[in-house]
């Protein structure tokens, strides 16, 4: 390829058409994602373990553990719907948190104490 204006124009035309090839290849890969998603949904789920199946037979996902209030369930379901952008989903289990709130409260007190106004 000559190092002239004509060579630069030829190289630009080649780059122009090759960019269409690359962009088309990216489009094909992106078009395959929904097909991959459908294929993944047909595979046996790892979540369908015997423990989960027994829990569903026993009367639903939260039958073994104490269930939160109806308002909590509605709020969680709404948050999941928004986070999933309306995609189909299924909430398997809602459990109360088993965390100890002691260390959390200590951290909050320490944080707020560091921001307390100084009395002069």
PDB file of N, CA and C in Angstrom:
ATOM      1  N   UNK A   1       0.862  -1.158   0.000  1.00  0.00           N
ATOM      2  CA  UNK A   1       0.000   0.000   0.000  1.00  0.00           C
ATOM      3  C   UNK A   1       0.916   1.231   0.000  1.00  0.00           C
ATOM      4  N   UNK A   2       0.695   2.105  -0.961  1.00  0.00           N
ATOM      5  CA  UNK A   2       1.567   3.287  -1.032  1.00  0.00           C
ATOM      6  C   UNK A   2       1.278   4.280   0.095  1.00  0.00           C
ATOM      7  N   UNK A   3       2.298   4.971   0.524  1.00  0.00           N
ATOM      8  CA  UNK A   3       2.185   5.962   1.592  1.00  0.00           C
ATOM      9  C   UNK A   3       1.837   7.325   0.991  1.00  0.00           C
ATOM     10  N   UNK A   4       0.645   7.340   0.355  1.00  0.00           N
ATOM     11  CA  UNK A   4       0.181   8.566  -0.296  1.00  0.00           C
ATOM     12  C   UNK A   4      -1.270   8.789   0.081  1.00  0.00           C
ATOM     13  N   UNK A   5      -1.832   9.864  -0.466  1.00  0.00           N
ATOM     14  CA  UNK A   5      -3.247  10.146  -0.220  1.00  0.00           C
ATOM     15  C   UNK A   5      -4.120   9.024  -0.769  1.00  0.00           C
ATOM     16  N   UNK A   6      -3.749   8.501  -1.934  1.00  0.00           N
ATOM     17  CA  UNK A   6      -4.521   7.412  -2.527  1.00  0.00           C
ATOM     18  C   UNK A   6      -4.467   6.168  -1.639  1.00  0.00           C
ATOM     19  N   UNK A   7      -3.318   5.852  -1.076  1.00  0.00           N
ATOM     20  CA  UNK A   7      -3.192   4.708  -0.174  1.00  0.00           C
ATOM     21  C   UNK A   7      -4.022   4.903   1.086  1.00  0.00           C
ATOM     22  N   UNK A   8      -4.049   6.117   1.610  1.00  0.00           N
ATOM     23  CA  UNK A   8      -4.851   6.402   2.808  1.00  0.00           C
ATOM     24  C   UNK A   8      -6.332   6.253   2.513  1.00  0.00           C
ATOM     25  N   UNK A   9      -6.765   6.700   1.340  1.00  0.00           N
ATOM     26  CA  UNK A   9      -8.184   6.559   0.955  1.00  0.00           C
ATOM     27  C   UNK A   9      -8.572   5.096   0.779  1.00  0.00           C
ATOM     28  N   UNK A  10      -7.697   4.319   0.174  1.00  0.00           N
ATOM     29  CA  UNK A  10      -7.971   2.876   0.006  1.00  0.00           C
ATOM     30  C   UNK A  10      -8.085   2.206   1.369  1.00  0.00           C
ATOM     31  N   UNK A  11      -7.172   2.549   2.274  1.00  0.00           N
ATOM     32  CA  UNK A  11      -7.201   1.973   3.620  1.00  0.00           C
ATOM     33  C   UNK A  11      -8.472   2.394   4.357  1.00  0.00           C
ATOM     34  N   UNK A  12      -8.916   3.628   4.178  1.00  0.00           N
ATOM     35  CA  UNK A  12     -10.142   4.093   4.822  1.00  0.00           C
ATOM     36  C   UNK A  12     -11.363   3.348   4.305  1.00  0.00           C
ATOM     37  N   UNK A  13     -11.418   3.096   2.998  1.00  0.00           N
ATOM     38  CA  UNK A  13     -12.545   2.356   2.423  1.00  0.00           C
ATOM     39  C   UNK A  13     -12.551   0.924   2.952  1.00  0.00           C
ATOM     40  N   UNK A  14     -11.380   0.299   3.028  1.00  0.00           N
ATOM     41  CA  UNK A  14     -11.296  -1.067   3.561  1.00  0.00           C
ATOM     42  C   UNK A  14     -11.742  -1.085   5.024  1.00  0.00           C
ATOM     43  N   UNK A  15     -11.290  -0.116   5.813  1.00  0.00           N
ATOM     44  CA  UNK A  15     -11.702  -0.035   7.219  1.00  0.00           C
ATOM     45  C   UNK A  15     -13.207   0.177   7.350  1.00  0.00           C
ATOM     46  N   UNK A  16     -13.763   0.990   6.452  1.00  0.00           N
ATOM     47  CA  UNK A  16     -15.202   1.261   6.480  1.00  0.00           C
ATOM     48  C   UNK A  16     -16.001  -0.036   6.299  1.00  0.00           C
ATOM     49  N   UNK A  17     -15.636  -0.834   5.302  1.00  0.00           N
ATOM     50  CA  UNK A  17     -16.381  -2.071   5.062  1.00  0.00           C
ATOM     51  C   UNK A  17     -16.099  -3.131   6.133  1.00  0.00           C
ATOM     52  N   UNK A  18     -14.879  -3.185   6.622  1.00  0.00           N
ATOM     53  CA  UNK A  18     -14.589  -4.152   7.684  1.00  0.00           C
ATOM     54  C   UNK A  18     -15.302  -3.792   8.984  1.00  0.00           C
ATOM     55  N   UNK A  19     -15.543  -2.507   9.220  1.00  0.00           N
ATOM     56  CA  UNK A  19     -16.299  -2.137  10.417  1.00  0.00           C
ATOM     57  C   UNK A  19     -17.716  -2.695  10.354  1.00  0.00           C
ATOM     58  N   UNK A  20     -18.319  -2.732   9.142  1.00  0.00           N
ATOM     59  CA  UNK A  20     -19.636  -3.339   9.004  1.00  0.00           C
ATOM     60  C   UNK A  20     -19.592  -4.834   9.325  1.00  0.00           C
ATOM     61  N   UNK A  21     -18.523  -5.499   8.923  1.00  0.00           N
ATOM     62  CA  UNK A  21     -18.383  -6.931   9.213  1.00  0.00           C
ATOM     63  C   UNK A  21     -18.280  -7.146  10.728  1.00  0.00           C
ATOM     64  N   UNK A  22     -17.473  -6.351  11.395  1.00  0.00           N
ATOM     65  CA  UNK A  22     -17.296  -6.494  12.846  1.00  0.00           C
ATOM     66  C   UNK A  22     -18.600  -6.178  13.575  1.00  0.00           C
ATOM     67  N   UNK A  23     -19.266  -5.084  13.185  1.00  0.00           N
ATOM     68  CA  UNK A  23     -20.519  -4.705  13.836  1.00  0.00           C
ATOM     69  C   UNK A  23     -21.590  -5.764  13.600  1.00  0.00           C
ATOM     70  N   UNK A  24     -21.634  -6.351  12.420  1.00  0.00           N
ATOM     71  CA  UNK A  24     -22.591  -7.427  12.150  1.00  0.00           C
ATOM     72  C   UNK A  24     -22.297  -8.649  13.008  1.00  0.00           C
ATOM     73  N   UNK A  25     -21.026  -8.969  13.189  1.00  0.00           N
ATOM     74  CA  UNK A  25     -20.660 -10.095  14.053  1.00  0.00           C
ATOM     75  C   UNK A  25     -21.087  -9.858  15.491  1.00  0.00           C
ATOM     76  N   UNK A  26     -20.919  -8.643  15.983  1.00  0.00           N
ATOM     77  CA  UNK A  26     -21.367  -8.316  17.335  1.00  0.00           C
ATOM     78  C   UNK A  26     -22.887  -8.449  17.423  1.00  0.00           C
ATOM     79  N   UNK A  27     -23.590  -8.007  16.377  1.00  0.00           N
ATOM     80  CA  UNK A  27     -25.047  -8.140  16.356  1.00  0.00           C
ATOM     81  C   UNK A  27     -25.499  -9.586  16.396  1.00  0.00           C
ATOM     82  N   UNK A  28     -24.796 -10.457  15.695  1.00  0.00           N
ATOM     83  CA  UNK A  28     -25.146 -11.890  15.710  1.00  0.00           C
ATOM     84  C   UNK A  28     -24.947 -12.463  17.105  1.00  0.00           C
ATOM     85  N   UNK A  29     -23.846 -12.110  17.754  1.00  0.00           N
ATOM     86  CA  UNK A  29     -23.588 -12.606  19.111  1.00  0.00           C
ATOM     87  C   UNK A  29     -24.677 -12.110  20.069  1.00  0.00           C
ATOM     88  N   UNK A  30     -25.045 -10.832  19.958  1.00  0.00           N
ATOM     89  CA  UNK A  30     -26.088 -10.295  20.834  1.00  0.00           C
ATOM     90  C   UNK A  30     -27.445 -10.920  20.544  1.00  0.00           C
ATOM     91  N   UNK A  31     -27.707 -11.276  19.298  1.00  0.00           N
ATOM     92  CA  UNK A  31     -28.974 -11.925  18.956  1.00  0.00           C
ATOM     93  C   UNK A  31     -29.049 -13.341  19.524  1.00  0.00           C
ATOM     94  N   UNK A  32     -27.909 -13.955  19.789  1.00  0.00           N
ATOM     95  CA  UNK A  32     -27.894 -15.309  20.336  1.00  0.00           C
ATOM     96  C   UNK A  32     -28.182 -15.340  21.830  1.00  0.00           C
ATOM     97  N   UNK A  33     -28.052 -14.210  22.541  1.00  0.00           N
ATOM     98  CA  UNK A  33     -28.286 -14.203  23.982  1.00  0.00           C
ATOM     99  C   UNK A  33     -29.705 -14.636  24.365  1.00  0.00           C
ATOM    100  N   UNK A  34     -30.774 -14.146  23.712  1.00  0.00           N
ATOM    101  CA  UNK A  34     -32.110 -14.646  24.079  1.00  0.00           C
ATOM    102  C   UNK A  34     -32.260 -16.149  23.835  1.00  0.00           C
ATOM    103  N   UNK A  35     -31.651 -16.646  22.770  1.00  0.00           N
ATOM    104  CA  UNK A  35     -31.714 -18.092  22.519  1.00  0.00           C
ATOM    105  C   UNK A  35     -30.979 -18.859  23.614  1.00  0.00           C
ATOM    106  N   UNK A  36     -29.846 -18.345  24.044  1.00  0.00           N
ATOM    107  CA  UNK A  36     -29.101 -18.971  25.132  1.00  0.00           C
ATOM    108  C   UNK A  36     -29.909 -18.949  26.422  1.00  0.00           C
ATOM    109  N   UNK A  37     -30.631 -17.864  26.659  1.00  0.00           N
ATOM    110  CA  UNK A  37     -31.472 -17.755  27.841  1.00  0.00           C
ATOM    111  C   UNK A  37     -32.598 -18.795  27.804  1.00  0.00           C
ATOM    112  N   UNK A  38     -33.233 -18.946  26.652  1.00  0.00           N
ATOM    113  CA  UNK A  38     -34.298 -19.967  26.529  1.00  0.00           C
ATOM    114  C   UNK A  38     -33.745 -21.364  26.723  1.00  0.00           C
ATOM    115  N   UNK A  39     -32.565 -21.621  26.186  1.00  0.00           N
ATOM    116  CA  UNK A  39     -31.945 -22.936  26.335  1.00  0.00           C
ATOM    117  C   UNK A  39     -31.603 -23.189  27.796  1.00  0.00           C
ATOM    118  N   UNK A  40     -31.122 -22.173  28.490  1.00  0.00           N
ATOM    119  CA  UNK A  40     -30.768 -22.320  29.902  1.00  0.00           C
ATOM    120  C   UNK A  40     -32.003 -22.625  30.746  1.00  0.00           C
ATOM    121  N   UNK A  41     -33.143 -22.042  30.405  1.00  0.00           N
ATOM    122  CA  UNK A  41     -34.370 -22.296  31.170  1.00  0.00           C
ATOM    123  C   UNK A  41     -34.861 -23.724  31.005  1.00  0.00           C
ATOM    124  N   UNK A  42     -34.534 -24.381  29.911  1.00  0.00           N
ATOM    125  CA  UNK A  42     -34.982 -25.758  29.708  1.00  0.00           C
ATOM    126  C   UNK A  42     -34.110 -26.764  30.439  1.00  0.00           C
ATOM    127  N   UNK A  43     -32.914 -26.354  30.875  1.00  0.00           N
ATOM    128  CA  UNK A  43     -32.047 -27.258  31.625  1.00  0.00           C
ATOM    129  C   UNK A  43     -32.612 -27.503  33.014  1.00  0.00           C
ATOM    130  N   UNK A  44     -32.360 -28.671  33.604  1.00  0.00           N
ATOM    131  CA  UNK A  44     -32.798 -28.899  34.980  1.00  0.00           C
ATOM    132  C   UNK A  44     -32.103 -27.907  35.902  1.00  0.00           C
ATOM    133  N   UNK A  45     -32.874 -27.274  36.742  1.00  0.00           N
ATOM    134  CA  UNK A  45     -32.345 -26.225  37.610  1.00  0.00           C
ATOM    135  C   UNK A  45     -31.605 -26.826  38.794  1.00  0.00           C
ATOM    136  N   UNK A  46     -30.521 -26.152  39.187  1.00  0.00           N
ATOM    137  CA  UNK A  46     -29.787 -26.580  40.376  1.00  0.00           C
ATOM    138  C   UNK A  46     -30.584 -26.256  41.627  1.00  0.00           C
ATOM    139  N   UNK A  47     -31.534 -25.319  41.514  1.00  0.00           N
ATOM    140  CA  UNK A  47     -32.348 -24.944  42.671  1.00  0.00           C
ATOM    141  C   UNK A  47     -33.385 -26.020  42.998  1.00  0.00           C
ATOM    142  N   UNK A  48     -33.669 -26.905  42.060  1.00  0.00           N
ATOM    143  CA  UNK A  48     -34.669 -27.939  42.291  1.00  0.00           C
ATOM    144  C   UNK A  48     -34.030 -29.136  42.997  1.00  0.00           C
ATOM    145  N   UNK A  49     -33.497 -28.917  44.142  1.00  0.00           N
ATOM    146  CA  UNK A  49     -32.893 -29.978  44.934  1.00  0.00           C
ATOM    147  C   UNK A  49     -33.997 -30.721  45.678  1.00  0.00           C
ATOM    148  N   UNK A  50     -33.722 -31.895  46.221  1.00  0.00           N
ATOM    149  CA  UNK A  50     -34.755 -32.610  46.984  1.00  0.00           C
ATOM    150  C   UNK A  50     -35.276 -31.790  48.159  1.00  0.00           C
ATOM    151  N   UNK A  51     -34.408 -30.996  48.795  1.00  0.00           N
ATOM    152  CA  UNK A  51     -34.837 -30.179  49.919  1.00  0.00           C
ATOM    153  C   UNK A  51     -35.879 -29.150  49.464  1.00  0.00           C
ATOM    154  N   UNK A  52     -35.647 -28.512  48.326  1.00  0.00           N
ATOM    155  CA  UNK A  52     -36.590 -27.531  47.793  1.00  0.00           C
ATOM    156  C   UNK A  52     -37.885 -28.209  47.387  1.00  0.00           C
ATOM    157  N   UNK A  53     -37.789 -29.378  46.752  1.00  0.00           N
ATOM    158  CA  UNK A  53     -38.989 -30.090  46.326  1.00  0.00           C
ATOM    159  C   UNK A  53     -39.823 -30.505  47.531  1.00  0.00           C
ATOM    160  N   UNK A  54     -39.164 -30.949  48.607  1.00  0.00           N
ATOM    161  CA  UNK A  54     -39.905 -31.341  49.809  1.00  0.00           C
ATOM    162  C   UNK A  54     -40.572 -30.133  50.446  1.00  0.00           C
ATOM    163  N   UNK A  55     -39.904 -28.994  50.426  1.00  0.00           N
ATOM    164  CA  UNK A  55     -40.473 -27.785  51.001  1.00  0.00           C
ATOM    165  C   UNK A  55     -41.688 -27.337  50.194  1.00  0.00           C
ATOM    166  N   UNK A  56     -41.620 -27.435  48.853  1.00  0.00           N
ATOM    167  CA  UNK A  56     -42.753 -27.047  48.020  1.00  0.00           C
ATOM    168  C   UNK A  56     -43.928 -27.993  48.229  1.00  0.00           C
ATOM    169  N   UNK A  57     -43.654 -29.296  48.445  1.00  0.00           N
ATOM    170  CA  UNK A  57     -44.731 -30.244  48.725  1.00  0.00           C
ATOM    171  C   UNK A  57     -45.397 -29.946  50.060  1.00  0.00           C
ATOM    172  N   UNK A  58     -44.598 -29.449  51.011  1.00  0.00           N
ATOM    173  CA  UNK A  58     -45.118 -29.205  52.351  1.00  0.00           C
ATOM    174  C   UNK A  58     -46.018 -27.979  52.423  1.00  0.00           C
ATOM    175  N   UNK A  59     -46.158 -27.267  51.333  1.00  0.00           N
ATOM    176  CA  UNK A  59     -47.095 -26.149  51.352  1.00  0.00           C
ATOM    177  C   UNK A  59     -46.482 -24.831  50.989  1.00  0.00           C
ATOM    178  N   UNK A  60     -45.487 -24.823  50.150  1.00  0.00           N
ATOM    179  CA  UNK A  60     -44.939 -23.554  49.703  1.00  0.00           C
ATOM    180  C   UNK A  60     -43.527 -23.343  50.178  1.00  0.00           C
ATOM    181  N   UNK A  61     -42.977 -22.234  49.739  1.00  0.00           N
ATOM    182  CA  UNK A  61     -41.560 -21.967  50.009  1.00  0.00           C
ATOM    183  C   UNK A  61     -41.306 -21.603  51.455  1.00  0.00           C
ATOM    184  N   UNK A  62     -42.215 -20.869  52.098  1.00  0.00           N
ATOM    185  CA  UNK A  62     -41.944 -20.403  53.443  1.00  0.00           C
ATOM    186  C   UNK A  62     -42.679 -21.176  54.512  1.00  0.00           C
ATOM    187  N   UNK A  63     -43.087 -22.421  54.247  1.00  0.00           N
ATOM    188  CA  UNK A  63     -43.886 -23.174  55.203  1.00  0.00           C
ATOM    189  C   UNK A  63     -43.079 -23.600  56.425  1.00  0.00           C
ATOM    190  N   UNK A  64     -41.789 -23.878  56.257  1.00  0.00           N
ATOM    191  CA  UNK A  64     -40.998 -24.376  57.371  1.00  0.00           C
ATOM    192  C   UNK A  64     -40.545 -23.255  58.303  1.00  0.00           C
ATOM    193  N   UNK A  65     -40.354 -22.075  57.787  1.00  0.00           N
ATOM    194  CA  UNK A  65     -39.853 -20.959  58.593  1.00  0.00           C
ATOM    195  C   UNK A  65     -40.985 -19.974  58.851  1.00  0.00           C
ATOM    196  N   UNK A  66     -40.869 -19.207  59.933  1.00  0.00           N
ATOM    197  CA  UNK A  66     -41.900 -18.202  60.159  1.00  0.00           C
ATOM    198  C   UNK A  66     -41.880 -17.170  59.038  1.00  0.00           C
ATOM    199  N   UNK A  67     -43.034 -16.925  58.459  1.00  0.00           N
ATOM    200  CA  UNK A  67     -43.125 -16.029  57.310  1.00  0.00           C
ATOM    201  C   UNK A  67     -43.246 -14.584  57.765  1.00  0.00           C
ATOM    202  N   UNK A  68     -42.666 -13.656  57.013  1.00  0.00           N
ATOM    203  CA  UNK A  68     -42.858 -12.256  57.325  1.00  0.00           C
ATOM    204  C   UNK A  68     -44.300 -11.840  57.078  1.00  0.00           C
ATOM    205  N   UNK A  69     -44.660 -10.644  57.494  1.00  0.00           N
ATOM    206  CA  UNK A  69     -46.011 -10.148  57.296  1.00  0.00           C
ATOM    207  C   UNK A  69     -46.341  -9.976  55.829  1.00  0.00           C
ATOM    208  N   UNK A  70     -47.645  -9.858  55.537  1.00  0.00           N
ATOM    209  CA  UNK A  70     -48.087  -9.711  54.156  1.00  0.00           C
ATOM    210  C   UNK A  70     -47.526  -8.442  53.517  1.00  0.00           C
ATOM    211  N   UNK A  71     -47.412  -7.376  54.301  1.00  0.00           N
ATOM    212  CA  UNK A  71     -46.854  -6.139  53.759  1.00  0.00           C
ATOM    213  C   UNK A  71     -45.402  -6.326  53.340  1.00  0.00           C
ATOM    214  N   UNK A  72     -44.645  -7.084  54.145  1.00  0.00           N
ATOM    215  CA  UNK A  72     -43.243  -7.336  53.809  1.00  0.00           C
ATOM    216  C   UNK A  72     -43.136  -8.138  52.518  1.00  0.00           C
ATOM    217  N   UNK A  73     -43.982  -9.140  52.374  1.00  0.00           N
ATOM    218  CA  UNK A  73     -43.945  -9.985  51.182  1.00  0.00           C
ATOM    219  C   UNK A  73     -44.288  -9.156  49.951  1.00  0.00           C
ATOM    220  N   UNK A  74     -45.299  -8.296  50.061  1.00  0.00           N
ATOM    221  CA  UNK A  74     -45.673  -7.455  48.922  1.00  0.00           C
ATOM    222  C   UNK A  74     -44.541  -6.501  48.552  1.00  0.00           C
ATOM    223  N   UNK A  75     -43.874  -5.939  49.548  1.00  0.00           N
ATOM    224  CA  UNK A  75     -42.769  -5.013  49.280  1.00  0.00           C
ATOM    225  C   UNK A  75     -41.596  -5.742  48.627  1.00  0.00           C
ATOM    226  N   UNK A  76     -41.286  -6.934  49.115  1.00  0.00           N
ATOM    227  CA  UNK A  76     -40.182  -7.710  48.536  1.00  0.00           C
ATOM    228  C   UNK A  76     -40.517  -8.106  47.106  1.00  0.00           C
ATOM    229  N   UNK A  77     -41.756  -8.555  46.868  1.00  0.00           N
ATOM    230  CA  UNK A  77     -42.161  -8.948  45.516  1.00  0.00           C
ATOM    231  C   UNK A  77     -42.098  -7.762  44.560  1.00  0.00           C
ATOM    232  N   UNK A  78     -42.523  -6.578  45.023  1.00  0.00           N
ATOM    233  CA  UNK A  78     -42.467  -5.385  44.177  1.00  0.00           C
ATOM    234  C   UNK A  78     -41.024  -4.999  43.871  1.00  0.00           C
ATOM    235  N   UNK A  79     -40.146  -5.100  44.870  1.00  0.00           N
ATOM    236  CA  UNK A  79     -38.734  -4.765  44.656  1.00  0.00           C
ATOM    237  C   UNK A  79     -38.081  -5.729  43.669  1.00  0.00           C
ATOM    238  N   UNK A  80     -38.417  -7.006  43.774  1.00  0.00           N
ATOM    239  CA  UNK A  80     -37.860  -7.997  42.847  1.00  0.00           C
ATOM    240  C   UNK A  80     -38.373  -7.737  41.436  1.00  0.00           C
ATOM    241  N   UNK A  81     -39.653  -7.403  41.296  1.00  0.00           N
ATOM    242  CA  UNK A  81     -40.225  -7.123  39.984  1.00  0.00           C
ATOM    243  C   UNK A  81     -39.512  -5.950  39.325  1.00  0.00           C
ATOM    244  N   UNK A  82     -39.248  -4.898  40.099  1.00  0.00           N
ATOM    245  CA  UNK A  82     -38.559  -3.727  39.550  1.00  0.00           C
ATOM    246  C   UNK A  82     -37.113  -4.081  39.217  1.00  0.00           C
ATOM    247  N   UNK A  83     -36.439  -4.809  40.097  1.00  0.00           N
ATOM    248  CA  UNK A  83     -35.040  -5.163  39.864  1.00  0.00           C
ATOM    249  C   UNK A  83     -34.883  -6.086  38.660  1.00  0.00           C
ATOM    250  N   UNK A  84     -35.864  -6.952  38.440  1.00  0.00           N
ATOM    251  CA  UNK A  84     -35.804  -7.887  37.310  1.00  0.00           C
ATOM    252  C   UNK A  84     -36.349  -7.258  36.035  1.00  0.00           C
ATOM    253  N   UNK A  85     -36.779  -5.999  36.106  1.00  0.00           N
ATOM    254  CA  UNK A  85     -37.295  -5.255  34.953  1.00  0.00           C
ATOM    255  C   UNK A  85     -38.467  -5.990  34.301  1.00  0.00           C
ATOM    256  N   UNK A  86     -39.328  -6.579  35.128  1.00  0.00           N
ATOM    257  CA  UNK A  86     -40.526  -7.237  34.632  1.00  0.00           C
ATOM    258  C   UNK A  86     -40.294  -8.634  34.082  1.00  0.00           C
ATOM    259  N   UNK A  87     -39.064  -9.148  34.149  1.00  0.00           N
ATOM    260  CA  UNK A  87     -38.775 -10.489  33.636  1.00  0.00           C
ATOM    261  C   UNK A  87     -39.447 -11.534  34.523  1.00  0.00           C
ATOM    262  N   UNK A  88     -39.817 -12.660  33.960  1.00  0.00           N
ATOM    263  CA  UNK A  88     -40.425 -13.715  34.785  1.00  0.00           C
ATOM    264  C   UNK A  88     -39.469 -14.150  35.895  1.00  0.00           C
ATOM    265  N   UNK A  89     -39.999 -14.317  37.084  1.00  0.00           N
ATOM    266  CA  UNK A  89     -39.187 -14.712  38.223  1.00  0.00           C
ATOM    267  C   UNK A  89     -40.061 -15.460  39.221  1.00  0.00           C
ATOM    268  N   UNK A  90     -39.397 -16.098  40.172  1.00  0.00           N
ATOM    269  CA  UNK A  90     -40.110 -16.834  41.206  1.00  0.00           C
ATOM    270  C   UNK A  90     -39.339 -16.712  42.505  1.00  0.00           C
ATOM    271  N   UNK A  91     -39.989 -16.215  43.543  1.00  0.00           N
ATOM    272  CA  UNK A  91     -39.369 -16.112  44.857  1.00  0.00           C
ATOM    273  C   UNK A  91     -39.557 -17.456  45.548  1.00  0.00           C
ATOM    274  N   UNK A  92     -38.451 -18.113  45.890  1.00  0.00           N
ATOM    275  CA  UNK A  92     -38.536 -19.441  46.471  1.00  0.00           C
ATOM    276  C   UNK A  92     -38.724 -19.418  47.981  1.00  0.00           C
ATOM    277  N   UNK A  93     -38.079 -18.475  48.652  1.00  0.00           N
ATOM    278  CA  UNK A  93     -38.139 -18.498  50.105  1.00  0.00           C
ATOM    279  C   UNK A  93     -37.822 -17.121  50.656  1.00  0.00           C
ATOM    280  N   UNK A  94     -38.549 -16.714  51.692  1.00  0.00           N
ATOM    281  CA  UNK A  94     -38.281 -15.473  52.398  1.00  0.00           C
ATOM    282  C   UNK A  94     -38.097 -15.834  53.861  1.00  0.00           C
ATOM    283  N   UNK A  95     -36.904 -15.589  54.369  1.00  0.00           N
ATOM    284  CA  UNK A  95     -36.600 -15.909  55.760  1.00  0.00           C
ATOM    285  C   UNK A  95     -36.237 -14.638  56.506  1.00  0.00           C
ATOM    286  N   UNK A  96     -36.557 -14.589  57.799  1.00  0.00           N
ATOM    287  CA  UNK A  96     -36.090 -13.446  58.587  1.00  0.00           C
ATOM    288  C   UNK A  96     -34.577 -13.520  58.748  1.00  0.00           C
ATOM    289  N   UNK A  97     -33.953 -12.373  58.885  1.00  0.00           N
ATOM    290  CA  UNK A  97     -32.508 -12.313  59.031  1.00  0.00           C
ATOM    291  C   UNK A  97     -32.103 -12.869  60.388  1.00  0.00           C
ATOM    292  N   UNK A  98     -31.030 -13.642  60.413  1.00  0.00           N
ATOM    293  CA  UNK A  98     -30.534 -14.222  61.655  1.00  0.00           C
ATOM    294  C   UNK A  98     -29.353 -13.426  62.206  1.00  0.00           C
ATOM    295  N   UNK A  99     -29.080 -12.262  61.640  1.00  0.00           N
ATOM    296  CA  UNK A  99     -27.943 -11.461  62.077  1.00  0.00           C
ATOM    297  C   UNK A  99     -28.188 -10.871  63.460  1.00  0.00           C
ATOM    298  N   UNK A 100     -27.126 -10.743  64.193  1.00  0.00           N
ATOM    299  CA  UNK A 100     -27.207 -10.074  65.484  1.00  0.00           C
ATOM    300  C   UNK A 100     -27.095  -8.581  65.244  1.00  0.00           C
ATOM    301  N   UNK A 101     -28.040  -7.824  65.789  1.00  0.00           N
ATOM    302  CA  UNK A 101     -28.052  -6.381  65.555  1.00  0.00           C
ATOM    303  C   UNK A 101     -27.118  -5.649  66.507  1.00  0.00           C
ATOM    304  N   UNK A 102     -26.501  -6.340  67.450  1.00  0.00           N
ATOM    305  CA  UNK A 102     -25.653  -5.686  68.435  1.00  0.00           C
ATOM    306  C   UNK A 102     -24.478  -4.956  67.820  1.00  0.00           C
ATOM    307  N   UNK A 103     -23.729  -5.629  66.959  1.00  0.00           N
ATOM    308  CA  UNK A 103     -22.558  -5.000  66.380  1.00  0.00           C
ATOM    309  C   UNK A 103     -22.952  -3.894  65.407  1.00  0.00           C
ATOM    310  N   UNK A 104     -24.115  -4.023  64.775  1.00  0.00           N
ATOM    311  CA  UNK A 104     -24.583  -2.973  63.868  1.00  0.00           C
ATOM    312  C   UNK A 104     -24.876  -1.703  64.656  1.00  0.00           C
ATOM    313  N   UNK A 105     -25.580  -1.856  65.766  1.00  0.00           N
ATOM    314  CA  UNK A 105     -25.907  -0.686  66.590  1.00  0.00           C
ATOM    315  C   UNK A 105     -24.654  -0.038  67.166  1.00  0.00           C
ATOM    316  N   UNK A 106     -23.677  -0.855  67.577  1.00  0.00           N
ATOM    317  CA  UNK A 106     -22.425  -0.294  68.087  1.00  0.00           C
ATOM    318  C   UNK A 106     -21.721   0.531  67.016  1.00  0.00           C
ATOM    319  N   UNK A 107     -21.719   0.042  65.793  1.00  0.00           N
ATOM    320  CA  UNK A 107     -21.098   0.776  64.686  1.00  0.00           C
ATOM    321  C   UNK A 107     -21.814   2.083  64.407  1.00  0.00           C
ATOM    322  N   UNK A 108     -23.141   2.062  64.459  1.00  0.00           N
ATOM    323  CA  UNK A 108     -23.901   3.290  64.227  1.00  0.00           C
ATOM    324  C   UNK A 108     -23.621   4.321  65.320  1.00  0.00           C
ATOM    325  N   UNK A 109     -23.584   3.863  66.577  1.00  0.00           N
ATOM    326  CA  UNK A 109     -23.310   4.786  67.678  1.00  0.00           C
ATOM    327  C   UNK A 109     -21.923   5.395  67.505  1.00  0.00           C
ATOM    328  N   UNK A 110     -20.936   4.580  67.169  1.00  0.00           N
ATOM    329  CA  UNK A 110     -19.575   5.088  66.983  1.00  0.00           C
ATOM    330  C   UNK A 110     -19.519   6.074  65.825  1.00  0.00           C
ATOM    331  N   UNK A 111     -20.226   5.777  64.746  1.00  0.00           N
ATOM    332  CA  UNK A 111     -20.225   6.666  63.583  1.00  0.00           C
ATOM    333  C   UNK A 111     -20.883   7.999  63.916  1.00  0.00           C
ATOM    334  N   UNK A 112     -22.035   7.941  64.552  1.00  0.00           N
ATOM    335  CA  UNK A 112     -22.739   9.176  64.884  1.00  0.00           C
ATOM    336  C   UNK A 112     -21.987   9.975  65.953  1.00  0.00           C
ATOM    337  N   UNK A 113     -21.316   9.283  66.857  1.00  0.00           N
ATOM    338  CA  UNK A 113     -20.554   9.988  67.882  1.00  0.00           C
ATOM    339  C   UNK A 113     -19.381  10.742  67.260  1.00  0.00           C
ATOM    340  N   UNK A 114     -18.837  10.208  66.170  1.00  0.00           N
ATOM    341  CA  UNK A 114     -17.707  10.890  65.545  1.00  0.00           C
ATOM    342  C   UNK A 114     -18.170  12.154  64.827  1.00  0.00           C
ATOM    343  N   UNK A 115     -19.456  12.269  64.547  1.00  0.00           N
ATOM    344  CA  UNK A 115     -19.980  13.446  63.869  1.00  0.00           C
ATOM    345  C   UNK A 115     -20.730  14.390  64.814  1.00  0.00           C
ATOM    346  N   UNK A 116     -20.659  14.101  66.091  1.00  0.00           N
ATOM    347  CA  UNK A 116     -21.382  14.934  67.062  1.00  0.00           C
ATOM    348  C   UNK A 116     -20.751  16.327  67.110  1.00  0.00           C
ATOM    349  N   UNK A 117     -21.597  17.363  67.224  1.00  0.00           N
ATOM    350  CA  UNK A 117     -21.032  18.715  67.310  1.00  0.00           C
ATOM    351  C   UNK A 117     -20.249  18.909  68.603  1.00  0.00           C
ATOM    352  N   UNK A 118     -19.182  19.635  68.522  1.00  0.00           N
ATOM    353  CA  UNK A 118     -18.340  19.884  69.681  1.00  0.00           C
ATOM    354  C   UNK A 118     -18.920  21.080  70.452  1.00  0.00           C
ATOM    355  N   UNK A 119     -19.107  20.899  71.735  1.00  0.00           N
ATOM    356  CA  UNK A 119     -19.596  21.995  72.586  1.00  0.00           C
ATOM    357  C   UNK A 119     -18.398  22.801  73.078  1.00  0.00           C
ATOM    358  N   UNK A 120     -18.402  24.091  72.829  1.00  0.00           N
ATOM    359  CA  UNK A 120     -17.259  24.923  73.224  1.00  0.00           C
ATOM    360  C   UNK A 120     -17.539  25.682  74.497  1.00  0.00           C
TER     361      UNK A 120
END
